[in-house]
């Protein structure tokens, strides 16, 4: 076990938190609009545009079907263009954001599709515009499911951020690779696993609690 045990783990924890937090904010901000477009442009949607829907759906499926470790490597030129480097914490945020956004968009899409279509028809009958239907009907009704979906996305991102540590992104994954795996330090490896379990548990519990506060049923 390294002598600077606590500072080393604290720094790695903060790096992982920064990676997941920054990428999570991007995924949330970009994923919800994508989900709204997927739902509203589908057949029978309020902005029915099947061609756009198919193209967007294909792009999202393409990113979702690519394993994160492959995406991490494939996006190195783009990452270098955006942040000026292909290694380190912020270099990992770019592929992490791009991987998480389509994942969350699909989950949010499912929540939006579960909104009772009768509510949409009632809003249309009362003269609500399509934008008002999105803002005042679809999103509020789907909010608990969207929050739960975002919680799942964050949990998935925690695992991906640990994987990014294998290519020098820092964080708990990097700590586990450098000390736990390469130096055969079982204590470090077990400690990292324990910390990750605690983080996932806290994130999942917090997400469930927030979602239950918005659940109208």
N, C-alpha and C. Protein backbone atom coordinates (compact mmCIF):
# COMPACT_ATOMS: atom_id res chain seq x y z
N UNK A 1 0.84 -1.20 0.00
CA UNK A 1 0.00 0.00 0.00
C UNK A 1 0.88 1.25 0.00
N UNK A 2 0.59 2.23 -0.93
CA UNK A 2 1.37 3.46 -0.96
C UNK A 2 1.26 4.23 0.35
N UNK A 3 2.32 4.99 0.67
CA UNK A 3 2.32 5.73 1.93
C UNK A 3 1.32 6.89 1.92
N UNK A 4 1.13 7.51 0.76
CA UNK A 4 0.18 8.64 0.67
C UNK A 4 -1.20 8.13 0.31
N UNK A 5 -1.69 7.17 1.08
CA UNK A 5 -2.92 6.45 0.79
C UNK A 5 -4.13 7.38 0.67
N UNK A 6 -4.42 8.13 1.70
CA UNK A 6 -5.66 8.94 1.72
C UNK A 6 -5.62 10.06 0.68
N UNK A 7 -4.55 10.87 0.59
CA UNK A 7 -4.52 11.92 -0.44
C UNK A 7 -4.65 11.36 -1.86
N UNK A 8 -4.04 10.21 -2.10
CA UNK A 8 -4.08 9.60 -3.42
C UNK A 8 -5.51 9.18 -3.79
N UNK A 9 -6.21 8.56 -2.85
CA UNK A 9 -7.58 8.15 -3.11
C UNK A 9 -8.51 9.36 -3.23
N UNK A 10 -8.27 10.38 -2.43
CA UNK A 10 -9.11 11.57 -2.48
C UNK A 10 -8.97 12.28 -3.82
N UNK A 11 -7.74 12.39 -4.30
CA UNK A 11 -7.51 13.02 -5.61
C UNK A 11 -8.17 12.21 -6.73
N UNK A 12 -8.04 10.89 -6.68
CA UNK A 12 -8.66 10.02 -7.69
C UNK A 12 -10.18 10.12 -7.64
N UNK A 13 -10.73 10.20 -6.43
CA UNK A 13 -12.18 10.34 -6.26
C UNK A 13 -12.67 11.64 -6.88
N UNK A 14 -11.96 12.74 -6.63
CA UNK A 14 -12.36 14.03 -7.18
C UNK A 14 -12.26 14.04 -8.71
N UNK A 15 -11.24 13.39 -9.24
CA UNK A 15 -11.10 13.30 -10.70
C UNK A 15 -12.26 12.53 -11.32
N UNK A 16 -12.63 11.42 -10.71
CA UNK A 16 -13.77 10.64 -11.21
C UNK A 16 -15.06 11.44 -11.10
N UNK A 17 -15.21 12.15 -10.00
CA UNK A 17 -16.41 12.97 -9.79
C UNK A 17 -16.50 14.07 -10.84
N UNK A 18 -15.37 14.68 -11.16
CA UNK A 18 -15.33 15.73 -12.17
C UNK A 18 -15.67 15.18 -13.55
N UNK A 19 -15.10 14.03 -13.89
CA UNK A 19 -15.38 13.41 -15.18
C UNK A 19 -16.85 13.11 -15.35
N UNK A 20 -17.41 12.42 -14.36
CA UNK A 20 -18.82 12.01 -14.44
C UNK A 20 -19.74 13.23 -14.37
N UNK A 21 -19.40 14.20 -13.52
CA UNK A 21 -20.23 15.38 -13.38
C UNK A 21 -20.30 16.21 -14.65
N UNK A 22 -19.13 16.48 -15.25
CA UNK A 22 -19.09 17.29 -16.47
C UNK A 22 -19.77 16.58 -17.63
N UNK A 23 -19.45 15.30 -17.80
CA UNK A 23 -20.07 14.54 -18.89
C UNK A 23 -21.56 14.35 -18.65
N UNK A 24 -21.95 14.19 -17.38
CA UNK A 24 -23.36 14.03 -17.05
C UNK A 24 -24.17 15.27 -17.37
N UNK A 25 -23.62 16.44 -17.08
CA UNK A 25 -24.32 17.69 -17.41
C UNK A 25 -24.52 17.82 -18.91
N UNK A 26 -23.49 17.48 -19.68
CA UNK A 26 -23.61 17.54 -21.14
C UNK A 26 -24.64 16.55 -21.64
N UNK A 27 -24.60 15.32 -21.12
CA UNK A 27 -25.53 14.28 -21.57
C UNK A 27 -26.97 14.67 -21.25
N UNK A 28 -27.20 15.27 -20.09
CA UNK A 28 -28.55 15.70 -19.72
C UNK A 28 -29.03 16.82 -20.62
N UNK A 29 -28.15 17.81 -20.84
CA UNK A 29 -28.54 18.97 -21.65
C UNK A 29 -28.79 18.61 -23.11
N UNK A 30 -28.02 17.65 -23.64
CA UNK A 30 -28.17 17.27 -25.04
C UNK A 30 -29.13 16.10 -25.23
N UNK A 31 -29.22 15.22 -24.23
CA UNK A 31 -30.04 14.02 -24.37
C UNK A 31 -31.52 14.29 -24.39
N UNK A 32 -31.99 15.23 -23.56
CA UNK A 32 -33.42 15.52 -23.51
C UNK A 32 -33.92 16.11 -24.83
N UNK A 33 -33.25 17.12 -25.41
CA UNK A 33 -33.70 17.60 -26.73
C UNK A 33 -33.70 16.51 -27.79
N UNK A 34 -32.69 15.64 -27.78
CA UNK A 34 -32.66 14.54 -28.74
C UNK A 34 -33.86 13.61 -28.54
N UNK A 35 -34.18 13.32 -27.30
CA UNK A 35 -35.32 12.45 -27.00
C UNK A 35 -36.63 13.09 -27.46
N UNK A 36 -36.75 14.39 -27.22
CA UNK A 36 -37.96 15.11 -27.65
C UNK A 36 -38.10 15.06 -29.16
N UNK A 37 -37.00 15.27 -29.87
CA UNK A 37 -37.04 15.22 -31.34
C UNK A 37 -37.42 13.82 -31.81
N UNK A 38 -36.86 12.79 -31.19
CA UNK A 38 -37.16 11.41 -31.58
C UNK A 38 -38.65 11.11 -31.41
N UNK A 39 -39.23 11.60 -30.32
CA UNK A 39 -40.65 11.32 -30.04
C UNK A 39 -41.57 12.15 -30.94
N UNK A 40 -41.28 13.42 -31.05
CA UNK A 40 -42.20 14.31 -31.78
C UNK A 40 -42.13 14.17 -33.29
N UNK A 41 -41.01 13.64 -33.81
CA UNK A 41 -40.90 13.49 -35.27
C UNK A 41 -41.24 12.08 -35.74
N UNK A 42 -41.58 11.19 -34.81
CA UNK A 42 -41.94 9.82 -35.19
C UNK A 42 -43.34 9.80 -35.80
N UNK A 43 -43.72 8.65 -36.34
CA UNK A 43 -45.05 8.52 -36.95
C UNK A 43 -46.13 8.80 -35.91
N UNK A 44 -47.01 9.73 -36.22
CA UNK A 44 -48.06 10.12 -35.28
C UNK A 44 -47.65 11.19 -34.30
N UNK A 45 -46.40 11.64 -34.37
CA UNK A 45 -45.92 12.67 -33.47
C UNK A 45 -46.43 14.05 -33.85
N UNK A 46 -46.26 15.01 -32.96
CA UNK A 46 -46.79 16.34 -33.22
C UNK A 46 -45.96 17.11 -34.25
N UNK A 47 -44.74 16.67 -34.52
CA UNK A 47 -43.91 17.23 -35.59
C UNK A 47 -43.50 16.09 -36.53
N UNK A 48 -44.44 15.36 -37.04
CA UNK A 48 -44.15 14.13 -37.78
C UNK A 48 -43.21 14.37 -38.96
N UNK A 49 -42.00 13.81 -38.86
CA UNK A 49 -40.99 13.88 -39.92
C UNK A 49 -40.23 12.56 -39.95
N UNK A 50 -40.80 11.54 -40.59
CA UNK A 50 -40.22 10.19 -40.54
C UNK A 50 -38.78 10.12 -41.03
N UNK A 51 -38.44 10.88 -42.07
CA UNK A 51 -37.08 10.81 -42.62
C UNK A 51 -36.06 11.31 -41.60
N UNK A 52 -36.33 12.46 -41.00
CA UNK A 52 -35.44 12.99 -39.97
C UNK A 52 -35.34 12.02 -38.81
N UNK A 53 -36.46 11.44 -38.43
CA UNK A 53 -36.49 10.51 -37.31
C UNK A 53 -35.62 9.29 -37.58
N UNK A 54 -35.69 8.77 -38.80
CA UNK A 54 -34.89 7.60 -39.14
C UNK A 54 -33.40 7.91 -39.14
N UNK A 55 -33.03 9.07 -39.71
CA UNK A 55 -31.62 9.46 -39.77
C UNK A 55 -31.06 9.66 -38.36
N UNK A 56 -31.79 10.42 -37.55
CA UNK A 56 -31.34 10.69 -36.18
C UNK A 56 -31.27 9.40 -35.37
N UNK A 57 -32.28 8.54 -35.54
CA UNK A 57 -32.28 7.27 -34.83
C UNK A 57 -31.10 6.39 -35.22
N UNK A 58 -30.74 6.40 -36.49
CA UNK A 58 -29.61 5.59 -36.97
C UNK A 58 -28.29 6.10 -36.39
N UNK A 59 -28.13 7.42 -36.34
CA UNK A 59 -26.90 8.01 -35.77
C UNK A 59 -26.78 7.64 -34.29
N UNK A 60 -27.87 7.79 -33.57
CA UNK A 60 -27.88 7.46 -32.13
C UNK A 60 -27.57 5.99 -31.91
N UNK A 61 -28.19 5.14 -32.71
CA UNK A 61 -27.94 3.70 -32.58
C UNK A 61 -26.49 3.35 -32.90
N UNK A 62 -25.90 4.07 -33.85
CA UNK A 62 -24.51 3.83 -34.20
C UNK A 62 -23.58 4.10 -33.03
N UNK A 63 -23.79 5.22 -32.34
CA UNK A 63 -22.95 5.54 -31.19
C UNK A 63 -23.22 4.59 -30.03
N UNK A 64 -24.50 4.22 -29.84
CA UNK A 64 -24.85 3.32 -28.74
C UNK A 64 -24.26 1.93 -28.91
N UNK A 65 -24.13 1.50 -30.15
CA UNK A 65 -23.65 0.13 -30.40
C UNK A 65 -22.12 0.02 -30.36
N UNK A 66 -21.43 1.15 -30.27
CA UNK A 66 -19.97 1.13 -30.23
C UNK A 66 -19.48 0.99 -28.79
N UNK A 67 -18.71 -0.03 -28.47
CA UNK A 67 -18.18 -0.17 -27.10
C UNK A 67 -17.38 1.07 -26.70
N UNK A 68 -17.48 1.43 -25.44
CA UNK A 68 -16.88 2.69 -24.99
C UNK A 68 -15.37 2.72 -25.20
N UNK A 69 -14.70 1.61 -24.96
CA UNK A 69 -13.24 1.61 -25.09
C UNK A 69 -12.83 1.85 -26.55
N UNK A 70 -13.64 1.35 -27.50
CA UNK A 70 -13.36 1.60 -28.92
C UNK A 70 -13.65 3.05 -29.26
N UNK A 71 -14.77 3.57 -28.74
CA UNK A 71 -15.13 4.96 -28.98
C UNK A 71 -14.07 5.89 -28.41
N UNK A 72 -13.54 5.52 -27.26
CA UNK A 72 -12.50 6.32 -26.60
C UNK A 72 -11.29 6.50 -27.51
N UNK A 73 -10.90 5.42 -28.17
CA UNK A 73 -9.74 5.46 -29.06
C UNK A 73 -10.08 6.13 -30.38
N UNK A 74 -11.26 5.81 -30.93
CA UNK A 74 -11.66 6.37 -32.23
C UNK A 74 -11.81 7.88 -32.19
N UNK A 75 -12.17 8.43 -31.04
CA UNK A 75 -12.40 9.87 -30.92
C UNK A 75 -11.15 10.65 -30.53
N UNK A 76 -10.00 10.00 -30.49
CA UNK A 76 -8.77 10.70 -30.07
C UNK A 76 -8.50 11.95 -30.91
N UNK A 77 -8.59 11.90 -32.26
CA UNK A 77 -8.35 13.14 -33.04
C UNK A 77 -9.36 14.24 -32.69
N UNK A 78 -10.62 13.87 -32.52
CA UNK A 78 -11.65 14.86 -32.17
C UNK A 78 -11.41 15.41 -30.77
N UNK A 79 -11.06 14.52 -29.85
CA UNK A 79 -10.77 14.95 -28.48
C UNK A 79 -9.60 15.91 -28.44
N UNK A 80 -8.56 15.60 -29.20
CA UNK A 80 -7.39 16.49 -29.26
C UNK A 80 -7.77 17.85 -29.84
N UNK A 81 -8.68 17.85 -30.81
CA UNK A 81 -9.13 19.11 -31.41
C UNK A 81 -9.91 19.95 -30.41
N UNK A 82 -10.71 19.30 -29.55
CA UNK A 82 -11.56 20.02 -28.62
C UNK A 82 -10.79 20.53 -27.40
N UNK A 83 -10.02 19.65 -26.76
CA UNK A 83 -9.35 20.02 -25.50
C UNK A 83 -7.84 20.15 -25.63
N UNK A 84 -7.30 19.85 -26.81
CA UNK A 84 -5.87 20.04 -27.03
C UNK A 84 -4.99 18.90 -26.59
N UNK A 85 -5.58 17.83 -26.08
CA UNK A 85 -4.81 16.66 -25.66
C UNK A 85 -5.68 15.43 -25.74
N UNK A 86 -5.05 14.27 -25.80
CA UNK A 86 -5.80 13.02 -25.87
C UNK A 86 -5.66 12.20 -24.60
N UNK A 87 -4.97 12.74 -23.59
CA UNK A 87 -4.83 12.05 -22.31
C UNK A 87 -5.22 13.00 -21.19
N UNK A 88 -5.54 12.45 -20.05
CA UNK A 88 -5.90 13.26 -18.91
C UNK A 88 -7.39 13.31 -18.67
N UNK A 89 -7.74 14.00 -17.60
CA UNK A 89 -9.13 14.06 -17.14
C UNK A 89 -10.08 14.64 -18.18
N UNK A 90 -9.77 15.83 -18.70
CA UNK A 90 -10.70 16.50 -19.61
C UNK A 90 -10.74 15.83 -20.98
N UNK A 91 -9.68 15.13 -21.32
CA UNK A 91 -9.70 14.36 -22.56
C UNK A 91 -10.69 13.21 -22.47
N UNK A 92 -10.92 12.70 -21.26
CA UNK A 92 -11.88 11.61 -21.07
C UNK A 92 -13.31 12.12 -21.07
N UNK A 93 -13.50 13.39 -20.72
CA UNK A 93 -14.85 13.95 -20.66
C UNK A 93 -15.51 13.96 -22.04
N UNK A 94 -14.72 14.21 -23.08
CA UNK A 94 -15.28 14.30 -24.43
C UNK A 94 -15.90 12.98 -24.88
N UNK A 95 -15.16 11.86 -24.92
CA UNK A 95 -15.80 10.60 -25.33
C UNK A 95 -16.85 10.12 -24.34
N UNK A 96 -16.66 10.44 -23.06
CA UNK A 96 -17.65 10.04 -22.06
C UNK A 96 -18.98 10.75 -22.32
N UNK A 97 -18.91 12.03 -22.67
CA UNK A 97 -20.13 12.79 -22.99
C UNK A 97 -20.81 12.26 -24.25
N UNK A 98 -20.00 11.97 -25.26
CA UNK A 98 -20.54 11.50 -26.53
C UNK A 98 -21.15 10.10 -26.38
N UNK A 99 -20.57 9.28 -25.52
CA UNK A 99 -21.11 7.95 -25.29
C UNK A 99 -22.39 7.99 -24.46
N UNK A 100 -22.44 8.90 -23.48
CA UNK A 100 -23.58 8.94 -22.56
C UNK A 100 -24.81 9.61 -23.16
N UNK A 101 -24.60 10.56 -24.06
CA UNK A 101 -25.73 11.33 -24.60
C UNK A 101 -26.73 10.46 -25.36
N UNK A 102 -26.33 9.65 -26.34
CA UNK A 102 -27.32 8.81 -27.02
C UNK A 102 -27.93 7.76 -26.11
N UNK A 103 -27.16 7.27 -25.15
CA UNK A 103 -27.68 6.30 -24.18
C UNK A 103 -28.83 6.92 -23.38
N UNK A 104 -28.59 8.12 -22.86
CA UNK A 104 -29.63 8.80 -22.09
C UNK A 104 -30.80 9.23 -22.97
N UNK A 105 -30.51 9.63 -24.20
CA UNK A 105 -31.57 10.06 -25.12
C UNK A 105 -32.58 8.94 -25.36
N UNK A 106 -32.10 7.72 -25.54
CA UNK A 106 -32.99 6.59 -25.75
C UNK A 106 -33.82 6.28 -24.50
N UNK A 107 -33.20 6.39 -23.34
CA UNK A 107 -33.95 6.14 -22.10
C UNK A 107 -35.01 7.21 -21.89
N UNK A 108 -34.65 8.48 -22.14
CA UNK A 108 -35.61 9.56 -22.01
C UNK A 108 -36.73 9.43 -23.04
N UNK A 109 -36.38 8.93 -24.22
CA UNK A 109 -37.39 8.72 -25.26
C UNK A 109 -38.46 7.73 -24.79
N UNK A 110 -38.03 6.67 -24.14
CA UNK A 110 -38.98 5.67 -23.63
C UNK A 110 -39.93 6.32 -22.62
N UNK A 111 -39.40 7.15 -21.73
CA UNK A 111 -40.24 7.83 -20.73
C UNK A 111 -41.24 8.76 -21.40
N UNK A 112 -40.81 9.48 -22.43
CA UNK A 112 -41.70 10.40 -23.13
C UNK A 112 -42.80 9.63 -23.88
N UNK A 113 -42.47 8.49 -24.42
CA UNK A 113 -43.46 7.69 -25.15
C UNK A 113 -44.50 7.08 -24.23
N UNK A 114 -44.16 6.95 -22.95
CA UNK A 114 -45.10 6.37 -21.99
C UNK A 114 -46.15 7.38 -21.50
N UNK A 115 -45.99 8.65 -21.87
CA UNK A 115 -46.99 9.65 -21.50
C UNK A 115 -48.31 9.33 -22.21
N UNK A 116 -49.39 9.35 -21.46
CA UNK A 116 -50.71 9.04 -22.00
C UNK A 116 -51.03 9.95 -23.19
N UNK A 117 -51.26 9.32 -24.34
CA UNK A 117 -51.55 10.11 -25.55
C UNK A 117 -52.83 10.92 -25.40
N UNK A 118 -53.72 10.47 -24.51
CA UNK A 118 -54.95 11.22 -24.27
C UNK A 118 -54.68 12.62 -23.72
N UNK A 119 -53.61 12.74 -22.94
CA UNK A 119 -53.25 14.06 -22.40
C UNK A 119 -52.82 15.00 -23.53
N UNK A 120 -52.09 14.46 -24.50
CA UNK A 120 -51.67 15.26 -25.65
C UNK A 120 -52.89 15.69 -26.46
N UNK A 121 -53.80 14.76 -26.69
CA UNK A 121 -55.00 15.08 -27.46
C UNK A 121 -55.85 16.11 -26.73
N UNK A 122 -55.93 16.01 -25.40
CA UNK A 122 -56.69 16.98 -24.62
C UNK A 122 -56.07 18.36 -24.73
N UNK A 123 -54.73 18.43 -24.68
CA UNK A 123 -54.05 19.72 -24.81
C UNK A 123 -54.27 20.31 -26.19
N UNK A 124 -54.25 19.47 -27.22
CA UNK A 124 -54.51 19.94 -28.58
C UNK A 124 -55.94 20.47 -28.72
N UNK A 125 -56.87 19.78 -28.08
CA UNK A 125 -58.27 20.20 -28.15
C UNK A 125 -58.50 21.55 -27.47
N UNK A 126 -57.66 21.85 -26.46
CA UNK A 126 -57.77 23.14 -25.76
C UNK A 126 -56.99 24.25 -26.46
N UNK A 127 -56.39 23.92 -27.61
CA UNK A 127 -55.71 24.94 -28.40
C UNK A 127 -54.24 25.15 -28.05
N UNK A 128 -53.64 24.23 -27.32
CA UNK A 128 -52.23 24.38 -26.96
C UNK A 128 -51.36 24.20 -28.21
N UNK A 129 -50.31 24.99 -28.29
CA UNK A 129 -49.37 24.87 -29.41
C UNK A 129 -48.51 23.63 -29.20
N UNK A 130 -47.80 23.23 -30.24
CA UNK A 130 -46.95 22.05 -30.12
C UNK A 130 -45.84 22.27 -29.10
N UNK A 131 -45.29 23.48 -29.07
CA UNK A 131 -44.25 23.78 -28.09
C UNK A 131 -44.81 23.72 -26.66
N UNK A 132 -46.04 24.21 -26.47
CA UNK A 132 -46.66 24.15 -25.15
C UNK A 132 -46.93 22.71 -24.73
N UNK A 133 -47.28 21.87 -25.69
CA UNK A 133 -47.50 20.45 -25.38
C UNK A 133 -46.21 19.80 -24.88
N UNK A 134 -45.10 20.15 -25.53
CA UNK A 134 -43.81 19.59 -25.12
C UNK A 134 -43.44 20.06 -23.71
N UNK A 135 -43.56 21.36 -23.47
CA UNK A 135 -43.10 21.96 -22.21
C UNK A 135 -44.05 21.67 -21.05
N UNK A 136 -45.35 21.68 -21.32
CA UNK A 136 -46.32 21.59 -20.23
C UNK A 136 -47.01 20.22 -20.10
N UNK A 137 -46.83 19.36 -21.07
CA UNK A 137 -47.46 18.04 -20.99
C UNK A 137 -46.41 16.92 -21.01
N UNK A 138 -45.67 16.81 -22.11
CA UNK A 138 -44.74 15.69 -22.27
C UNK A 138 -43.65 15.66 -21.20
N UNK A 139 -42.91 16.76 -21.07
CA UNK A 139 -41.78 16.77 -20.14
C UNK A 139 -42.21 16.63 -18.67
N UNK A 140 -43.22 17.39 -18.20
CA UNK A 140 -43.63 17.21 -16.80
C UNK A 140 -44.13 15.80 -16.48
N UNK A 141 -44.90 15.22 -17.39
CA UNK A 141 -45.44 13.88 -17.15
C UNK A 141 -44.35 12.81 -17.19
N UNK A 142 -43.35 13.03 -18.02
CA UNK A 142 -42.28 12.04 -18.16
C UNK A 142 -41.13 12.27 -17.18
N UNK A 143 -41.18 13.33 -16.40
CA UNK A 143 -40.05 13.72 -15.56
C UNK A 143 -39.57 12.64 -14.60
N UNK A 144 -40.45 11.95 -13.88
CA UNK A 144 -39.94 10.89 -12.99
C UNK A 144 -39.15 9.82 -13.73
N UNK A 145 -39.67 9.39 -14.88
CA UNK A 145 -38.95 8.40 -15.68
C UNK A 145 -37.64 8.93 -16.23
N UNK A 146 -37.62 10.20 -16.60
CA UNK A 146 -36.40 10.82 -17.11
C UNK A 146 -35.34 10.87 -16.02
N UNK A 147 -35.75 11.21 -14.80
CA UNK A 147 -34.81 11.27 -13.68
C UNK A 147 -34.24 9.89 -13.39
N UNK A 148 -35.11 8.89 -13.39
CA UNK A 148 -34.63 7.52 -13.15
C UNK A 148 -33.69 7.08 -14.28
N UNK A 149 -34.02 7.47 -15.50
CA UNK A 149 -33.15 7.14 -16.63
C UNK A 149 -31.81 7.83 -16.54
N UNK A 150 -31.81 9.07 -16.06
CA UNK A 150 -30.55 9.80 -15.90
C UNK A 150 -29.71 9.17 -14.79
N UNK A 151 -30.38 8.65 -13.77
CA UNK A 151 -29.65 7.95 -12.71
C UNK A 151 -28.95 6.72 -13.27
N UNK A 152 -29.65 5.96 -14.10
CA UNK A 152 -29.04 4.79 -14.74
C UNK A 152 -27.86 5.22 -15.61
N UNK A 153 -28.03 6.34 -16.31
CA UNK A 153 -26.95 6.85 -17.15
C UNK A 153 -25.72 7.21 -16.32
N UNK A 154 -25.93 7.87 -15.19
CA UNK A 154 -24.81 8.23 -14.32
C UNK A 154 -24.08 6.99 -13.80
N UNK A 155 -24.84 5.98 -13.42
CA UNK A 155 -24.23 4.74 -12.95
C UNK A 155 -23.38 4.11 -14.05
N UNK A 156 -23.92 4.10 -15.27
CA UNK A 156 -23.17 3.58 -16.40
C UNK A 156 -21.90 4.40 -16.65
N UNK A 157 -22.01 5.72 -16.50
CA UNK A 157 -20.86 6.60 -16.71
C UNK A 157 -19.78 6.39 -15.67
N UNK A 158 -20.18 6.03 -14.46
CA UNK A 158 -19.18 5.76 -13.42
C UNK A 158 -18.31 4.58 -13.84
N UNK A 159 -18.94 3.54 -14.38
CA UNK A 159 -18.19 2.40 -14.89
C UNK A 159 -17.30 2.78 -16.06
N UNK A 160 -17.83 3.61 -16.97
CA UNK A 160 -17.04 4.03 -18.13
C UNK A 160 -15.87 4.92 -17.72
N UNK A 161 -16.08 5.77 -16.71
CA UNK A 161 -14.98 6.63 -16.26
C UNK A 161 -13.85 5.80 -15.66
N UNK A 162 -14.21 4.71 -14.99
CA UNK A 162 -13.18 3.81 -14.46
C UNK A 162 -12.44 3.14 -15.60
N UNK A 163 -13.16 2.79 -16.68
CA UNK A 163 -12.55 2.19 -17.84
C UNK A 163 -11.60 3.19 -18.53
N UNK A 164 -11.99 4.46 -18.53
CA UNK A 164 -11.14 5.49 -19.14
C UNK A 164 -9.81 5.62 -18.43
N UNK A 165 -9.77 5.22 -17.16
CA UNK A 165 -8.52 5.27 -16.42
C UNK A 165 -7.46 4.36 -16.99
N UNK A 166 -7.90 3.36 -17.76
CA UNK A 166 -6.94 2.43 -18.36
C UNK A 166 -6.10 3.09 -19.45
N UNK A 167 -6.55 4.24 -19.95
CA UNK A 167 -5.79 4.95 -20.99
C UNK A 167 -5.29 6.30 -20.48
N UNK A 168 -5.07 6.39 -19.18
CA UNK A 168 -4.45 7.57 -18.61
C UNK A 168 -5.36 8.74 -18.35
N UNK A 169 -6.66 8.46 -18.14
CA UNK A 169 -7.60 9.56 -17.90
C UNK A 169 -7.64 10.01 -16.46
N UNK A 170 -6.96 9.30 -15.58
CA UNK A 170 -7.00 9.65 -14.17
C UNK A 170 -8.22 9.05 -13.50
N UNK A 171 -8.42 9.42 -12.24
CA UNK A 171 -9.58 8.92 -11.52
C UNK A 171 -9.33 7.57 -10.88
N UNK A 172 -10.39 6.98 -10.36
CA UNK A 172 -10.29 5.72 -9.64
C UNK A 172 -9.84 4.56 -10.54
N UNK A 173 -10.26 4.60 -11.80
CA UNK A 173 -9.85 3.55 -12.73
C UNK A 173 -8.35 3.55 -12.95
N UNK A 174 -7.79 4.73 -13.11
CA UNK A 174 -6.34 4.86 -13.30
C UNK A 174 -5.60 4.38 -12.06
N UNK A 175 -6.13 4.72 -10.89
CA UNK A 175 -5.52 4.29 -9.63
C UNK A 175 -5.53 2.77 -9.51
N UNK A 176 -6.66 2.16 -9.87
CA UNK A 176 -6.77 0.70 -9.81
C UNK A 176 -5.80 0.03 -10.79
N UNK A 177 -5.62 0.63 -11.97
CA UNK A 177 -4.72 0.05 -12.97
C UNK A 177 -3.26 0.17 -12.54
N UNK A 178 -2.87 1.38 -12.11
CA UNK A 178 -1.46 1.62 -11.81
C UNK A 178 -0.98 0.91 -10.55
N UNK A 179 -1.81 0.92 -9.52
CA UNK A 179 -1.39 0.33 -8.25
C UNK A 179 -2.00 -1.05 -8.00
N UNK A 180 -3.29 -1.16 -8.27
CA UNK A 180 -3.95 -2.43 -7.98
C UNK A 180 -3.56 -3.54 -8.94
N UNK A 181 -3.50 -3.22 -10.25
CA UNK A 181 -3.23 -4.25 -11.25
C UNK A 181 -1.73 -4.36 -11.58
N UNK A 182 -1.12 -3.25 -12.00
CA UNK A 182 0.27 -3.30 -12.44
C UNK A 182 1.24 -3.58 -11.30
N UNK A 183 0.91 -3.14 -10.07
CA UNK A 183 1.79 -3.37 -8.93
C UNK A 183 1.27 -4.48 -8.01
N UNK A 184 0.21 -5.14 -8.43
CA UNK A 184 -0.34 -6.29 -7.70
C UNK A 184 -0.68 -5.94 -6.26
N UNK A 185 -1.23 -4.73 -6.07
CA UNK A 185 -1.62 -4.32 -4.72
C UNK A 185 -3.12 -4.59 -4.55
N UNK A 186 -3.42 -5.71 -3.92
CA UNK A 186 -4.82 -6.13 -3.77
C UNK A 186 -5.60 -5.15 -2.90
N UNK A 187 -4.96 -4.56 -1.92
CA UNK A 187 -5.64 -3.63 -1.02
C UNK A 187 -6.17 -2.42 -1.79
N UNK A 188 -5.34 -1.88 -2.69
CA UNK A 188 -5.77 -0.75 -3.49
C UNK A 188 -6.94 -1.14 -4.40
N UNK A 189 -6.83 -2.30 -5.02
CA UNK A 189 -7.88 -2.76 -5.93
C UNK A 189 -9.21 -2.93 -5.20
N UNK A 190 -9.17 -3.59 -4.05
CA UNK A 190 -10.39 -3.80 -3.26
C UNK A 190 -10.95 -2.47 -2.76
N UNK A 191 -10.08 -1.56 -2.39
CA UNK A 191 -10.53 -0.25 -1.90
C UNK A 191 -11.23 0.53 -3.00
N UNK A 192 -10.67 0.49 -4.22
CA UNK A 192 -11.30 1.18 -5.35
C UNK A 192 -12.68 0.58 -5.64
N UNK A 193 -12.77 -0.74 -5.63
CA UNK A 193 -14.06 -1.40 -5.87
C UNK A 193 -15.07 -0.99 -4.80
N UNK A 194 -14.64 -0.94 -3.54
CA UNK A 194 -15.53 -0.55 -2.45
C UNK A 194 -16.02 0.89 -2.62
N UNK A 195 -15.11 1.78 -3.01
CA UNK A 195 -15.49 3.18 -3.23
C UNK A 195 -16.49 3.30 -4.36
N UNK A 196 -16.26 2.57 -5.45
CA UNK A 196 -17.18 2.61 -6.58
C UNK A 196 -18.56 2.08 -6.20
N UNK A 197 -18.60 1.04 -5.39
CA UNK A 197 -19.89 0.50 -4.92
C UNK A 197 -20.64 1.54 -4.10
N UNK A 198 -19.91 2.24 -3.23
CA UNK A 198 -20.54 3.27 -2.40
C UNK A 198 -21.07 4.41 -3.28
N UNK A 199 -20.27 4.85 -4.26
CA UNK A 199 -20.69 5.94 -5.14
C UNK A 199 -21.95 5.54 -5.91
N UNK A 200 -21.96 4.34 -6.47
CA UNK A 200 -23.12 3.88 -7.25
C UNK A 200 -24.35 3.80 -6.35
N UNK A 201 -24.18 3.31 -5.14
CA UNK A 201 -25.31 3.19 -4.21
C UNK A 201 -25.89 4.56 -3.87
N UNK A 202 -25.00 5.51 -3.61
CA UNK A 202 -25.46 6.87 -3.27
C UNK A 202 -26.18 7.51 -4.46
N UNK A 203 -25.60 7.38 -5.65
CA UNK A 203 -26.22 7.96 -6.85
C UNK A 203 -27.58 7.34 -7.12
N UNK A 204 -27.66 6.00 -7.03
CA UNK A 204 -28.92 5.32 -7.29
C UNK A 204 -29.99 5.70 -6.26
N UNK A 205 -29.62 5.73 -5.00
CA UNK A 205 -30.57 6.08 -3.95
C UNK A 205 -31.06 7.52 -4.09
N UNK A 206 -30.13 8.43 -4.40
CA UNK A 206 -30.49 9.84 -4.58
C UNK A 206 -31.42 10.02 -5.77
N UNK A 207 -31.10 9.35 -6.88
CA UNK A 207 -31.94 9.43 -8.06
C UNK A 207 -33.34 8.91 -7.81
N UNK A 208 -33.45 7.78 -7.12
CA UNK A 208 -34.76 7.21 -6.80
C UNK A 208 -35.56 8.14 -5.90
N UNK A 209 -34.88 8.77 -4.95
CA UNK A 209 -35.56 9.68 -4.02
C UNK A 209 -36.09 10.90 -4.76
N UNK A 210 -35.26 11.49 -5.62
CA UNK A 210 -35.69 12.67 -6.38
C UNK A 210 -36.85 12.32 -7.31
N UNK A 211 -36.75 11.17 -7.98
CA UNK A 211 -37.80 10.76 -8.91
C UNK A 211 -39.12 10.55 -8.18
N UNK A 212 -39.07 9.99 -6.99
CA UNK A 212 -40.30 9.75 -6.22
C UNK A 212 -40.97 11.06 -5.82
N UNK A 213 -40.18 12.11 -5.64
CA UNK A 213 -40.74 13.43 -5.28
C UNK A 213 -41.55 14.02 -6.45
N UNK A 214 -41.15 13.68 -7.69
CA UNK A 214 -41.83 14.22 -8.86
C UNK A 214 -42.89 13.27 -9.40
N UNK A 215 -42.96 12.07 -8.85
CA UNK A 215 -43.92 11.09 -9.34
C UNK A 215 -45.33 11.50 -8.94
N UNK A 216 -46.19 11.69 -9.93
CA UNK A 216 -47.55 12.15 -9.67
C UNK A 216 -48.52 11.01 -9.43
N UNK A 217 -48.04 9.78 -9.67
CA UNK A 217 -48.96 8.65 -9.54
C UNK A 217 -48.98 8.12 -8.13
